[in-house]
Amino acid sequence: MSSSAIDIILLGRTYSVACPAGQEAALRSVAHKLEQQLVSLKNRASHLSREDLVMMAALNIGHELSEEKQKNQEYMQQMDQRIRLMQRTLEQALVERSRKDV
């Protein structure tokens, strides 16, 4: 898969970022979310340097990702439990049916 560079603007600076073909919209969406985080942080803490703003945004986004991973893990555990319950229910129904057939 080939890639091309797209321009992303964050806090008034343009960055040329390599992007796999077909992923441009996703990268722009992520860049837009990052820009929103940076602007929000800058408005709340104008004394922070650009580097500090980026670090704070990275921590915020990392925290969001961690929370989503935890939710996903909990969801997967719930689905595993439901699948096991369905398997037991089906096995019981098959056993009962085989007893009736005899």
C-alpha atoms as a PDB file:
ATOM      1  CA  MET A   1       0.000   0.000   0.000  1.00  0.00           C
ATOM      2  CA  SER A   2       1.430   3.337  -0.962  1.00  0.00           C
ATOM      3  CA  SER A   3       1.381   6.451   1.140  1.00  0.00           C
ATOM      4  CA  SER A   4       1.412  10.129   0.476  1.00  0.00           C
ATOM      5  CA  ALA A   5       2.001  13.194   2.591  1.00  0.00           C
ATOM      6  CA  ILE A   6      -0.892  15.348   3.690  1.00  0.00           C
ATOM      7  CA  ASP A   7      -0.695  18.689   5.423  1.00  0.00           C
ATOM      8  CA  ILE A   8      -2.070  18.997   8.943  1.00  0.00           C
ATOM      9  CA  ILE A   9      -2.344  22.343  10.722  1.00  0.00           C
ATOM     10  CA  LEU A  10      -1.997  22.380  14.504  1.00  0.00           C
ATOM     11  CA  LEU A  11      -1.932  25.641  16.456  1.00  0.00           C
ATOM     12  CA  GLY A  12      -1.114  27.552  13.307  1.00  0.00           C
ATOM     13  CA  ARG A  13       1.783  25.346  12.227  1.00  0.00           C
ATOM     14  CA  THR A  14       1.618  23.124   9.179  1.00  0.00           C
ATOM     15  CA  TYR A  15       2.960  19.601   9.444  1.00  0.00           C
ATOM     16  CA  SER A  16       3.453  17.301   6.471  1.00  0.00           C
ATOM     17  CA  VAL A  17       2.487  13.812   7.604  1.00  0.00           C
ATOM     18  CA  ALA A  18       2.884  10.543   5.696  1.00  0.00           C
ATOM     19  CA  CYS A  19      -0.431   8.770   5.377  1.00  0.00           C
ATOM     20  CA  PRO A  20      -1.384   5.425   3.817  1.00  0.00           C
ATOM     21  CA  ALA A  21      -3.606   5.734   0.763  1.00  0.00           C
ATOM     22  CA  GLY A  22      -7.257   5.742   1.723  1.00  0.00           C
ATOM     23  CA  GLN A  23      -6.600   6.841   5.311  1.00  0.00           C
ATOM     24  CA  GLU A  24      -6.485  10.577   4.697  1.00  0.00           C
ATOM     25  CA  ALA A  25      -9.954  11.287   6.109  1.00  0.00           C
ATOM     26  CA  ALA A  26      -9.201   9.320   9.277  1.00  0.00           C
ATOM     27  CA  LEU A  27      -5.933  11.193   9.800  1.00  0.00           C
ATOM     28  CA  ARG A  28      -7.623  14.539   9.221  1.00  0.00           C
ATOM     29  CA  SER A  29     -10.318  13.578  11.726  1.00  0.00           C
ATOM     30  CA  VAL A  30      -7.709  12.714  14.350  1.00  0.00           C
ATOM     31  CA  ALA A  31      -5.833  15.928  13.621  1.00  0.00           C
ATOM     32  CA  HIS A  32      -9.061  17.910  14.009  1.00  0.00           C
ATOM     33  CA  LYS A  33      -9.713  16.303  17.409  1.00  0.00           C
ATOM     34  CA  LEU A  34      -6.131  17.024  18.463  1.00  0.00           C
ATOM     35  CA  GLU A  35      -6.475  20.641  17.330  1.00  0.00           C
ATOM     36  CA  GLN A  36      -9.650  20.973  19.401  1.00  0.00           C
ATOM     37  CA  GLN A  37      -7.851  19.580  22.454  1.00  0.00           C
ATOM     38  CA  LEU A  38      -4.894  21.899  21.946  1.00  0.00           C
ATOM     39  CA  VAL A  39      -7.075  24.995  21.518  1.00  0.00           C
ATOM     40  CA  SER A  40      -9.140  24.073  24.569  1.00  0.00           C
ATOM     41  CA  LEU A  41      -6.026  23.572  26.669  1.00  0.00           C
ATOM     42  CA  LYS A  42      -4.492  26.798  25.361  1.00  0.00           C
ATOM     43  CA  ASN A  43      -7.641  28.732  26.283  1.00  0.00           C
ATOM     44  CA  ARG A  44      -7.609  27.298  29.808  1.00  0.00           C
ATOM     45  CA  ALA A  45      -3.855  27.557  30.383  1.00  0.00           C
ATOM     46  CA  SER A  46      -2.417  30.220  28.110  1.00  0.00           C
ATOM     47  CA  HIS A  47       0.841  30.229  30.073  1.00  0.00           C
ATOM     48  CA  LEU A  48       1.769  26.737  28.871  1.00  0.00           C
ATOM     49  CA  SER A  49       4.326  26.366  26.106  1.00  0.00           C
ATOM     50  CA  ARG A  50       3.460  24.618  22.843  1.00  0.00           C
ATOM     51  CA  GLU A  51       5.406  21.583  24.073  1.00  0.00           C
ATOM     52  CA  ASP A  52       3.467  21.518  27.362  1.00  0.00           C
ATOM     53  CA  LEU A  53       0.156  21.840  25.499  1.00  0.00           C
ATOM     54  CA  VAL A  54       1.044  18.909  23.267  1.00  0.00           C
ATOM     55  CA  MET A  55       2.099  16.843  26.287  1.00  0.00           C
ATOM     56  CA  MET A  56      -1.159  17.598  28.108  1.00  0.00           C
ATOM     57  CA  ALA A  57      -3.207  16.786  25.005  1.00  0.00           C
ATOM     58  CA  ALA A  58      -1.306  13.511  24.583  1.00  0.00           C
ATOM     59  CA  LEU A  59      -2.037  12.599  28.201  1.00  0.00           C
ATOM     60  CA  ASN A  60      -5.732  13.452  27.781  1.00  0.00           C
ATOM     61  CA  ILE A  61      -6.042  11.432  24.585  1.00  0.00           C
ATOM     62  CA  GLY A  62      -4.062   8.565  26.133  1.00  0.00           C
ATOM     63  CA  HIS A  63      -6.449   8.578  29.100  1.00  0.00           C
ATOM     64  CA  GLU A  64      -9.461   8.494  26.762  1.00  0.00           C
ATOM     65  CA  LEU A  65      -7.912   5.581  24.882  1.00  0.00           C
ATOM     66  CA  SER A  66      -7.243   3.724  28.123  1.00  0.00           C
ATOM     67  CA  GLU A  67     -10.861   4.200  29.220  1.00  0.00           C
ATOM     68  CA  GLU A  68     -12.151   2.949  25.867  1.00  0.00           C
ATOM     69  CA  LYS A  69      -9.891  -0.092  26.032  1.00  0.00           C
ATOM     70  CA  GLN A  70     -11.221  -0.854  29.519  1.00  0.00           C
ATOM     71  CA  LYS A  71     -14.824  -0.512  28.303  1.00  0.00           C
ATOM     72  CA  ASN A  72     -14.032  -2.777  25.347  1.00  0.00           C
ATOM     73  CA  GLN A  73     -12.472  -5.380  27.630  1.00  0.00           C
ATOM     74  CA  GLU A  74     -15.524  -5.302  29.928  1.00  0.00           C
ATOM     75  CA  TYR A  75     -17.823  -5.624  26.915  1.00  0.00           C
ATOM     76  CA  MET A  76     -15.852  -8.612  25.625  1.00  0.00           C
ATOM     77  CA  GLN A  77     -16.105 -10.281  29.043  1.00  0.00           C
ATOM     78  CA  GLN A  78     -19.865  -9.720  29.061  1.00  0.00           C
ATOM     79  CA  MET A  79     -20.156 -11.184  25.567  1.00  0.00           C
ATOM     80  CA  ASP A  80     -18.051 -14.204  26.598  1.00  0.00           C
ATOM     81  CA  GLN A  81     -20.386 -14.776  29.560  1.00  0.00           C
ATOM     82  CA  ARG A  82     -23.459 -14.496  27.343  1.00  0.00           C
ATOM     83  CA  ILE A  83     -21.977 -16.899  24.806  1.00  0.00           C
ATOM     84  CA  ARG A  84     -21.191 -19.436  27.548  1.00  0.00           C
ATOM     85  CA  LEU A  85     -24.760 -19.100  28.876  1.00  0.00           C
ATOM     86  CA  MET A  86     -26.164 -19.632  25.371  1.00  0.00           C
ATOM     87  CA  GLN A  87     -23.942 -22.702  24.910  1.00  0.00           C
ATOM     88  CA  ARG A  88     -25.120 -24.187  28.207  1.00  0.00           C
ATOM     89  CA  THR A  89     -28.748 -23.442  27.338  1.00  0.00           C
ATOM     90  CA  LEU A  90     -28.390 -25.076  23.917  1.00  0.00           C
ATOM     91  CA  GLU A  91     -26.607 -28.097  25.393  1.00  0.00           C
ATOM     92  CA  GLN A  92     -29.350 -28.529  27.998  1.00  0.00           C
ATOM     93  CA  ALA A  93     -32.049 -28.217  25.339  1.00  0.00           C
ATOM     94  CA  LEU A  94     -30.301 -30.845  23.178  1.00  0.00           C
ATOM     95  CA  VAL A  95     -29.937 -33.208  26.120  1.00  0.00           C
ATOM     96  CA  GLU A  96     -33.615 -32.791  27.037  1.00  0.00           C
ATOM     97  CA  ARG A  97     -34.670 -33.339  23.447  1.00  0.00           C
ATOM     98  CA  SER A  98     -32.552 -36.480  23.133  1.00  0.00           C
ATOM     99  CA  ARG A  99     -34.168 -37.843  26.314  1.00  0.00           C
ATOM    100  CA  LYS A 100     -37.640 -37.203  24.889  1.00  0.00           C
ATOM    101  CA  ASP A 101     -36.699 -38.929  21.625  1.00  0.00           C
ATOM    102  CA  VAL A 102     -35.652 -42.107  23.404  1.00  0.00           C
END
